[in-house]
Protein backbone atom coordinates (compact mmCIF):
# COMPACT_ATOMS: atom_id res chain seq x y z
CA MET A 1 28.82 -0.52 12.58
CA PHE A 2 25.46 -1.24 14.67
CA ALA A 3 24.26 2.12 13.11
CA ILE A 4 24.30 0.35 9.74
CA ALA A 5 21.52 -1.88 10.86
CA ALA A 6 19.35 1.38 11.54
CA LEU A 7 20.56 2.95 8.25
CA ASP A 8 19.33 -0.13 6.31
CA GLU A 9 15.82 -0.33 7.93
CA LEU A 10 15.72 3.51 7.65
CA ALA A 11 16.29 3.09 3.82
CA SER A 12 13.75 -0.10 3.66
CA GLY A 13 10.89 2.03 5.20
CA VAL A 14 11.04 4.61 2.45
CA PRO A 15 9.82 2.26 -0.37
CA SER A 16 7.54 0.58 2.13
CA SER A 17 5.92 3.69 3.35
CA GLY A 18 6.08 5.44 0.12
CA ALA A 19 4.34 2.45 -1.89
CA PRO A 20 0.86 4.21 -2.30
CA ASP A 21 2.55 7.31 -3.74
CA ILE A 22 5.00 5.41 -6.01
CA GLU A 23 2.10 3.56 -7.32
CA ARG A 24 0.13 6.84 -8.04
CA THR A 25 3.13 8.52 -9.64
CA LEU A 26 3.83 5.86 -11.74
CA GLY A 27 0.57 4.49 -12.73
CA LEU A 28 1.13 0.98 -11.32
CA SER A 29 -1.39 -1.68 -10.09
CA HIS A 30 -1.07 -3.06 -6.74
CA GLY A 31 0.46 -6.35 -7.95
CA GLY A 32 3.06 -4.27 -10.18
CA THR A 33 3.96 -2.15 -7.20
CA THR A 34 4.72 -5.14 -4.98
CA ALA A 35 6.76 -6.71 -7.95
CA ILE A 36 9.02 -3.75 -8.50
CA LEU A 37 9.70 -2.93 -4.94
CA PHE A 38 9.93 -6.27 -3.23
CA LEU A 39 9.28 -9.29 -5.62
CA VAL A 40 11.87 -8.72 -8.08
CA PRO A 41 14.41 -7.14 -6.05
CA GLY A 42 13.97 -10.02 -3.57
CA LEU A 43 14.69 -12.57 -6.20
CA PHE A 44 17.90 -10.50 -7.18
CA GLY A 45 19.16 -10.62 -3.68
CA LEU A 46 18.50 -14.29 -3.26
CA VAL A 47 20.57 -15.10 -6.09
CA LEU A 48 23.38 -12.65 -5.52
CA ASP A 49 23.80 -12.48 -1.78
CA PRO A 50 25.84 -15.87 -1.89
CA VAL A 51 28.21 -14.44 -4.52
CA VAL A 52 28.57 -11.21 -2.46
CA PHE A 53 29.63 -13.38 0.48
CA TRP A 54 31.83 -15.35 -1.76
CA LEU A 55 33.63 -12.04 -2.95
CA ALA A 56 33.94 -10.93 0.43
CA GLU A 57 36.06 -13.72 1.49
CA ARG A 58 38.58 -12.99 -1.30
CA VAL A 59 38.63 -9.07 -1.23
CA GLY A 60 37.75 -8.78 2.60
CA ARG A 61 34.72 -7.89 4.41
CA PRO A 62 35.52 -4.27 5.05
CA ARG A 63 36.14 -3.75 1.53
CA MET A 64 32.99 -5.42 0.46
CA ILE A 65 31.15 -3.44 3.11
CA ARG A 66 32.27 0.06 1.88
CA LEU A 67 31.31 -1.12 -1.75
CA GLY A 68 28.00 -2.09 -0.50
CA LEU A 69 27.26 1.10 1.05
CA ALA A 70 28.40 2.96 -2.03
CA ALA A 71 26.03 0.87 -3.95
CA HIS A 72 23.36 1.54 -1.74
CA ALA A 73 23.81 5.24 -2.40
CA VAL A 74 24.04 5.06 -6.04
CA ALA A 75 20.73 2.70 -5.99
CA ALA A 76 19.00 5.46 -3.86
CA PHE A 77 19.62 8.44 -6.04
CA ALA A 78 18.80 6.10 -9.12
CA ALA A 79 15.34 5.46 -7.59
CA ALA A 80 14.75 9.02 -6.99
CA TRP A 81 15.27 9.94 -10.31
CA ALA A 82 13.77 6.77 -11.96
CA PRO A 83 11.61 8.01 -14.83
CA GLY A 84 9.65 4.66 -15.09
CA PRO A 85 8.73 1.28 -13.45
CA VAL A 86 11.66 -0.46 -15.49
CA SER A 87 14.34 1.89 -14.26
CA LEU A 88 12.96 1.76 -10.58
CA ALA A 89 12.90 -2.12 -10.58
CA GLY A 90 16.75 -1.88 -11.76
CA ALA A 91 17.48 0.60 -9.02
CA MET A 92 15.63 -1.49 -6.41
CA ALA A 93 17.48 -4.70 -7.52
CA LEU A 94 20.80 -2.93 -6.73
CA TRP A 95 19.27 -1.81 -3.57
CA PHE A 96 18.56 -5.18 -2.44
CA VAL A 97 22.07 -6.55 -3.47
CA ALA A 98 23.94 -3.55 -1.78
CA ALA A 99 21.92 -4.22 1.45
CA GLY A 100 23.10 -7.62 1.33
CA ALA A 101 26.80 -6.74 1.01
CA ALA A 102 26.43 -3.71 3.68
CA THR A 103 24.36 -4.96 6.13
CA GLY A 104 24.69 -8.70 6.10
CA LEU A 105 28.55 -8.55 6.23
CA SER A 106 28.43 -5.85 8.93
CA GLU A 107 26.20 -8.20 11.06
CA ALA A 108 28.64 -11.17 10.27
CA ILE A 109 31.72 -8.98 11.49
CA LEU A 110 30.14 -8.11 14.57
CA VAL A 111 28.98 -11.59 15.69
CA ASP A 112 32.27 -13.15 14.83
CA ALA A 113 34.07 -10.46 16.73
CA TRP A 114 32.60 -11.25 20.06
CA PRO A 115 31.54 -15.19 19.90
CA ASP A 116 30.89 -15.33 23.66
CA ARG A 117 28.09 -12.61 23.53
CA GLN A 118 26.36 -13.46 20.37
CA ALA A 119 22.76 -13.18 21.69
CA ARG A 120 23.76 -9.56 22.98
CA THR A 121 25.13 -8.55 19.92
CA MET A 122 22.11 -9.56 18.05
CA ALA A 123 19.68 -7.70 20.59
CA ARG A 124 21.64 -4.58 19.92
CA TRP A 125 21.47 -5.23 16.24
CA THR A 126 17.89 -5.73 16.21
CA LEU A 127 16.98 -2.85 18.40
CA LEU A 128 19.03 -0.46 15.99
CA SER A 129 16.91 -2.12 13.16
CA LEU A 130 13.77 -1.39 15.27
CA ILE A 131 14.69 2.07 15.37
CA GLY A 132 15.43 2.36 11.68
CA ASP A 133 12.05 0.86 11.11
CA PHE A 134 10.61 3.75 12.80
CA ALA A 135 12.67 6.27 11.18
CA GLY A 136 11.87 5.36 7.73
CA PRO A 137 8.20 6.20 7.64
CA ALA A 138 8.91 9.16 9.81
CA LEU A 139 11.17 10.62 7.17
CA VAL A 140 8.50 9.99 4.40
CA GLY A 141 5.99 11.81 6.41
CA VAL A 142 7.97 14.75 7.38
CA LEU A 143 8.87 15.13 3.90
CA ALA A 144 5.37 14.86 2.71
CA THR A 145 4.23 17.49 5.19
CA ALA A 146 7.05 19.79 4.33
CA ILE A 147 6.54 19.66 0.45
CA GLY A 148 2.44 19.47 0.51
CA GLY A 149 2.25 16.85 -1.75
CA HIS A 150 2.16 13.19 -2.67
CA ALA A 151 5.83 12.89 -4.15
CA ALA A 152 7.52 12.78 -0.96
CA TRP A 153 9.47 9.36 -1.76
CA ARG A 154 11.71 11.08 -4.36
CA PRO A 155 13.02 13.47 -1.90
CA ALA A 156 13.14 10.62 0.55
CA PHE A 157 15.39 8.38 -1.76
CA VAL A 158 17.72 11.53 -2.02
CA VAL A 159 17.98 11.85 1.64
CA THR A 160 18.68 8.11 1.99
CA GLY A 161 21.33 8.16 -0.65
CA ALA A 162 23.10 11.28 1.04
CA LEU A 163 23.05 9.35 4.28
CA PHE A 164 24.72 6.13 2.83
CA THR A 165 27.27 8.52 0.81
CA VAL A 166 28.39 10.03 4.01
CA TRP A 167 28.52 6.52 5.89
CA THR A 168 30.56 5.20 3.11
CA ILE A 169 33.14 8.02 3.54
CA ALA A 170 32.77 7.44 7.69
CA THR A 171 33.81 3.71 7.15
CA CYS A 172 36.76 4.71 4.93
CA ALA A 173 38.46 6.45 8.02
CA ARG A 174 37.88 3.65 10.78
CA ALA A 175 38.82 -0.07 11.04
CA PHE A 176 36.41 -2.68 11.56
CA PRO A 177 36.54 -5.20 14.57
CA ALA A 178 38.47 -8.52 13.97
CA PRO A 179 37.47 -11.70 15.16
CA PRO A 180 39.45 -13.44 17.88
CA ALA A 181 42.34 -15.53 16.47
CA ARG A 182 41.82 -19.64 16.66
CA ALA A 183 44.17 -22.33 16.25
CA ASP A 184 42.18 -24.00 13.44
CA ASP A 185 42.04 -20.82 11.43
CA ASP A 186 44.43 -22.11 8.65
CA ASP A 187 42.40 -25.47 8.28
CA GLU A 188 38.99 -23.47 7.47
CA PRO A 189 37.13 -24.83 4.43
CA PRO A 190 36.14 -22.36 1.81
CA LEU A 191 32.81 -20.68 1.78
CA TRP A 192 30.94 -23.20 -0.53
CA GLN A 193 32.37 -26.28 1.21
CA ALA A 194 31.41 -24.82 4.58
CA VAL A 195 27.79 -24.03 3.56
CA ARG A 196 27.59 -27.45 2.16
CA ASP A 197 28.79 -29.03 5.54
CA ALA A 198 26.39 -26.64 7.11
CA LEU A 199 23.18 -27.94 5.33
CA ARG A 200 24.10 -31.37 7.01
CA ASP A 201 23.93 -30.10 10.21
CA ARG A 202 20.13 -30.73 11.51
CA VAL A 203 20.28 -28.53 14.54
CA LEU A 204 21.77 -25.50 12.55
CA ILE A 205 18.76 -25.95 9.93
CA ALA A 206 16.38 -26.08 12.67
CA TRP A 207 17.43 -22.91 14.08
CA MET A 208 17.58 -21.28 10.74
CA PHE A 209 14.03 -22.29 10.23
CA GLY A 210 13.29 -20.66 13.86
CA THR A 211 14.89 -17.40 12.48
CA ALA A 212 12.66 -17.51 9.40
CA LEU A 213 9.78 -17.97 11.44
CA CYS A 214 10.48 -14.75 13.51
CA ASN A 215 9.45 -12.86 10.32
CA LEU A 216 5.69 -13.65 11.47
CA LEU A 217 5.79 -11.32 14.48
CA ASP A 218 7.31 -8.42 12.66
CA GLU A 219 6.22 -6.57 9.31
CA ILE A 220 3.35 -9.14 8.84
CA LEU A 221 1.81 -8.75 12.33
CA VAL A 222 1.89 -4.72 11.63
CA VAL A 223 -0.04 -5.24 8.50
CA PHE A 224 -2.75 -7.86 10.19
CA ALA A 225 -2.83 -6.03 13.36
CA SER A 226 -3.90 -2.88 11.47
CA LEU A 227 -6.75 -4.70 9.60
CA HIS A 228 -7.64 -6.41 12.79
CA VAL A 229 -8.16 -3.09 14.75
CA ARG A 230 -9.98 -1.54 11.70
CA ASP A 231 -12.10 -4.40 10.72
CA ASP A 232 -12.72 -6.60 13.80
CA LEU A 233 -12.38 -3.54 16.79
CA GLY A 234 -14.18 -0.91 14.38
CA ALA A 235 -11.39 1.69 15.40
CA GLY A 236 -9.84 4.33 13.18
CA PRO A 237 -6.41 5.33 12.11
CA ALA A 238 -5.57 6.63 15.24
CA TRP A 239 -6.08 3.51 17.08
CA GLN A 240 -4.40 1.66 14.49
CA SER A 241 -1.09 3.82 14.75
CA VAL A 242 -1.40 3.57 18.54
CA THR A 243 -1.55 -0.26 18.40
CA ILE A 244 1.51 -0.27 16.14
CA GLY A 245 3.12 2.12 18.19
CA ALA A 246 2.73 0.19 21.43
CA PHE A 247 4.18 -3.13 19.37
CA VAL A 248 7.22 -0.82 18.53
CA ALA A 249 7.73 0.52 22.02
CA GLY A 250 7.34 -2.93 23.77
CA GLY A 251 9.83 -4.22 21.27
CA ALA A 252 12.16 -1.67 22.34
CA LEU A 253 11.78 -2.59 25.86
CA GLY A 254 12.28 -6.16 25.43
CA LEU A 255 15.70 -5.81 23.44
CA VAL A 256 17.10 -3.47 26.23
CA ALA A 257 15.80 -5.90 28.80
CA LEU A 258 17.26 -8.83 27.18
CA ASP A 259 20.71 -7.24 26.65
CA ARG A 260 20.74 -6.44 30.57
CA VAL A 261 19.59 -9.79 31.50
CA LEU A 262 22.30 -11.82 29.50
CA ALA A 263 25.26 -9.25 30.79
CA ARG A 264 24.00 -10.26 34.10
CA TRP A 265 23.45 -13.64 33.65
CA PRO A 266 25.48 -14.82 30.80
CA GLY A 267 24.92 -18.27 29.33
CA ARG A 268 21.18 -18.05 29.96
CA GLU A 269 20.22 -17.99 26.14
CA ARG A 270 18.37 -21.05 26.22
CA ARG A 271 16.41 -20.39 29.39
CA ALA A 272 15.58 -16.88 27.85
CA LEU A 273 14.36 -18.63 24.95
CA ILE A 274 12.19 -21.00 26.85
CA ALA A 275 10.74 -18.09 28.93
CA THR A 276 10.15 -15.46 26.14
CA GLY A 277 8.68 -18.21 23.90
CA ALA A 278 6.03 -19.19 26.37
CA ALA A 279 5.20 -15.65 27.71
CA CYS A 280 4.92 -14.32 23.89
CA ALA A 281 2.47 -17.31 22.82
CA VAL A 282 0.31 -16.27 26.13
CA ALA A 283 0.67 -12.60 25.65
CA PHE A 284 -0.31 -12.80 21.91
CA ALA A 285 -3.42 -15.13 22.60
CA ALA A 286 -4.44 -12.37 24.94
CA TRP A 287 -3.95 -9.54 22.80
CA LEU A 288 -6.01 -11.43 19.90
CA ALA A 289 -9.01 -11.85 22.69
CA ALA A 290 -8.96 -8.04 23.61
CA PRO A 291 -12.44 -7.10 22.97
CA THR A 292 -11.72 -3.43 22.69
CA ALA A 293 -9.33 -0.92 20.97
CA TRP A 294 -7.63 0.36 24.20
CA LEU A 295 -7.27 -3.23 25.59
CA SER A 296 -5.63 -4.20 22.19
CA ALA A 297 -3.08 -1.48 22.36
CA LEU A 298 -2.31 -2.30 25.91
CA GLY A 299 -2.18 -5.90 25.23
CA MET A 300 0.33 -5.18 22.17
CA VAL A 301 2.92 -3.81 24.38
CA GLY A 302 3.09 -7.24 25.88
CA VAL A 303 3.71 -8.82 22.55
CA GLY A 304 6.46 -6.44 21.77
CA VAL A 305 8.12 -7.13 24.68
CA THR A 306 8.09 -10.85 24.35
CA ALA A 307 8.30 -11.14 20.69
CA ALA A 308 11.23 -8.92 20.09
CA PRO A 309 13.87 -11.13 21.92
CA LEU A 310 13.03 -14.09 19.74
CA TYR A 311 14.90 -13.26 16.78
CA PRO A 312 18.24 -12.36 18.50
CA LEU A 313 18.14 -15.45 20.81
CA ALA A 314 17.20 -17.90 17.63
CA SER A 315 19.96 -16.16 15.60
CA ALA A 316 22.57 -16.60 18.40
CA GLN A 317 21.64 -20.20 18.46
CA ALA A 318 22.08 -20.66 15.03
CA TYR A 319 25.57 -18.85 14.75
CA ALA A 320 26.87 -20.66 17.77
CA ARG A 321 26.75 -23.73 15.44
CA ARG A 322 29.43 -22.27 13.28
CA PRO A 323 31.76 -20.43 15.71
CA GLY A 324 33.65 -17.70 13.68
CA ARG A 325 31.86 -18.12 10.49
CA ALA A 326 28.80 -16.29 10.74
CA SER A 327 28.84 -15.66 6.92
CA VAL A 328 28.34 -19.42 6.45
CA VAL A 329 25.28 -19.23 8.40
CA ILE A 330 23.94 -16.30 6.53
CA VAL A 331 24.54 -18.04 3.10
CA ALA A 332 23.03 -21.37 4.36
CA SER A 333 19.96 -19.32 5.65
CA ASN A 334 19.03 -18.54 2.05
CA LEU A 335 17.43 -21.80 1.99
CA PHE A 336 14.49 -20.36 3.73
CA ALA A 337 14.38 -17.13 1.88
CA PRO A 338 11.82 -18.52 -0.31
CA MET A 339 9.45 -19.14 2.75
CA SER A 340 9.89 -15.47 3.86
CA LEU A 341 8.83 -14.30 0.77
CA ALA A 342 5.72 -16.59 0.47
CA LEU A 343 4.56 -16.27 4.00
CA PRO A 344 2.83 -12.71 3.53
CA TRP A 345 1.12 -13.97 0.34
CA LEU A 346 -0.12 -17.27 1.82
CA LEU A 347 -1.33 -15.48 4.86
CA GLY A 348 -3.14 -12.98 2.67
CA LEU A 349 -4.81 -15.99 1.11
CA VAL A 350 -5.87 -17.30 4.34
CA ALA A 351 -7.50 -13.80 5.38
CA ASP A 352 -9.08 -13.53 1.94
CA HIS A 353 -10.69 -16.80 2.14
CA THR A 354 -11.59 -17.08 6.06
CA SER A 355 -10.76 -13.80 8.01
CA VAL A 356 -8.12 -11.72 9.14
CA THR A 357 -8.32 -13.13 12.84
CA THR A 358 -7.74 -16.70 11.29
CA ALA A 359 -4.64 -15.49 9.53
CA LEU A 360 -3.55 -13.70 13.00
CA TRP A 361 -3.84 -16.80 14.96
CA LEU A 362 -1.68 -18.53 12.60
CA LEU A 363 1.13 -16.04 13.50
CA ILE A 364 1.28 -17.75 17.13
CA ALA A 365 3.50 -20.32 15.22
CA GLN A 366 6.40 -18.20 15.81
CA PRO A 367 6.50 -18.30 19.74
CA ILE A 368 5.32 -22.21 19.70
CA GLY A 369 7.81 -23.06 17.36
CA ILE A 370 10.70 -21.26 18.94
CA LEU A 371 9.64 -22.79 22.04
CA ALA A 372 9.67 -26.27 20.87
CA LEU A 373 12.77 -25.73 19.10
CA ALA A 374 14.65 -24.49 22.73
CA ILE A 375 13.03 -27.33 24.47
CA THR A 376 14.01 -30.26 22.06
CA THR A 377 17.47 -28.93 20.90
CA GLY A 378 18.65 -28.57 24.41
CA ASP A 379 22.05 -27.64 24.79
CA ARG A 380 23.05 -28.64 21.47
CA GLY A 381 21.97 -25.62 19.80
CA ASN A 382 24.84 -24.01 21.85
CA ARG A 383 27.51 -26.22 20.67
CA GLY A 384 29.48 -25.50 17.80
CA SER A 385 29.67 -28.20 15.03
CA ARG A 386 32.11 -27.33 12.39
CA THR A 387 32.35 -30.05 10.10
CA ASP A 388 29.85 -32.91 11.23
CA GLY A 389 26.15 -32.93 10.41
CA ALA A 390 25.22 -34.86 13.82
CA PRO A 391 22.87 -33.11 15.84
C-alpha cells in the first residue's frame, strides 16, 4: 500500500512538469493552464473528498480504494485523449477526486493499522511520495526525448493510466491491513459527528495547521528556490537542477534517518520535532545567505534533511488525537485546504511586489511554527482525545 503514495505523486508530476507543453498544445494562457490543471480540480477535491470518506465508511475502505484507483486510470486515459481545455479540466477533476479516494484512504488504513508507530508510518509514506515526485518529471522527460517532440504529456498520461490499471488489478488480489480491535469500537460516532467533535479540539486544529504549514518547504520552495538561484545568484538551469536535486536527496536522507531514530528510540516524536524544527530554521537561514550557487546547493542538502521529517512528525501528532480514526483527521484537515491553495498565489504576490528573497524568508514560518507547536502543546499532542474539545 505504501507504493500507492509513490504512484500518486508520479501521476501528479505529469501535469505539473507537462504544463508548458499542455499550454502550448491547447493554446492556453498561464492562468488558464493553472485553472484547468490545479485550481478547478482542487476545488472539486475540496468539496467531494469528505463525501468519498463518508461513502468509505459504508462500503468499506478497501472497496473505495480500488474504485479510486480504477477511476484514476480512467481519468488518466481521458486526459491523454482530451481534445480541448474543457474535457481536460473534467478529466483532471475526476483525477483529483480519485486521488483522494485511493491515496487518502490508503494513508488512513496504514496509520490506523499501526497506532503505536504513526510517525514511522508517515515517514515511510512521505519517502515513497518523494520518490514519486522525482519519477513523474523523469517520465515526462524520458518520453519527450524518446518522441523528439513537445507532446510528451499525452503518452505520459497513457503510461500513468496503465500503471493505475495494473495496480487496481493487483489490489484486488490482496487483503488490506486491518486496525487492531478496541473495546470502544461499537461506540464510535459516525464520521460527520466525529469530525464536528474534532473541530472543537484545539490541539488537533493546531497540528492540522502545522501539517498545512509543511506545504511551504515543499513544491513552493522548489519553485522559489529555482528563481533565487537564477535571479539572485546568477546561475543557469544546471545549477537550478543541482539545487533542487540536493533538496530531494537531503529529504530522502532525513526521512530514512527519522525512521531509524524512531525505531531505536520510540516515543521520542516530540523531541524529534523540536530538534528538527530548530535545525531546519537554522539550515534554511544559512542556505538563503549562501553567496554562491555551489554553496547554495550544499546548503540545500541540510534544508532537505531537516525539513522532510517535519510533515510526518506533525501528521503523527494530529493522528494521535483521534486514535483509530485517521479518516476523521483527514476530513477535518479540509479546513486548511483553502490555505494550501492560496499560499502559492499569496507568495507570488509578495515576490512580485518586493522580491523573491523576501518571499523565501517567509517560508521559514514552517520550521518556526512547527517548533512553537511542539513546545507549547507539550505531551498533549500525543494524548488521544476522542470526544472532548479540551486541549
